[in-house]
Amino acid sequence: MNTKVFIQPLVYASVFALLALPQALGEQDCHEDKVKFLEKCSWHIVPGFPYARPSPSNSCCKAVRKFDMTCICRIITHQDNADGHYVYRVSVDCNNPVPPGNKCGDWSIPGPPPPHNLQL
């Protein structure tokens, strides 16, 4: 038999396995949540404006508390007309903060400050 007959299905199976790997490893797809987040909270995350606006609306916070904000932060970009730092601030203001060490868009969430060693 022709070797090509055996290699071609093997190549297709390998490509499929590579594409399915993130799903198999449990990586969440939160694209729909990101779209809903952008609909509910767009006023608070637009780049170029100061964040010091009124607190996020009830509908925005209600949505934020339902979503995996770490996942949303991982996939949000400036193309979404969103400032990553502001997205993080909304997550904090709505009591669903993204943990330190993650990125929110292109903004890295800093860790907590080191403890102070006070000598008495």
Foldseek 3Di string as FASTA:
>chain_A
DDVCVVVVVVVVVVVVCVVCVCVVVPPDDCVVLLVVLCVQFVVQFAPPDDNPDPQRDPSNLVSLVVDQLLSSQVPDECVSRGDQVSSQVNCVSSVNHDAAQGGRHPRHRHHDDDDDDDDD
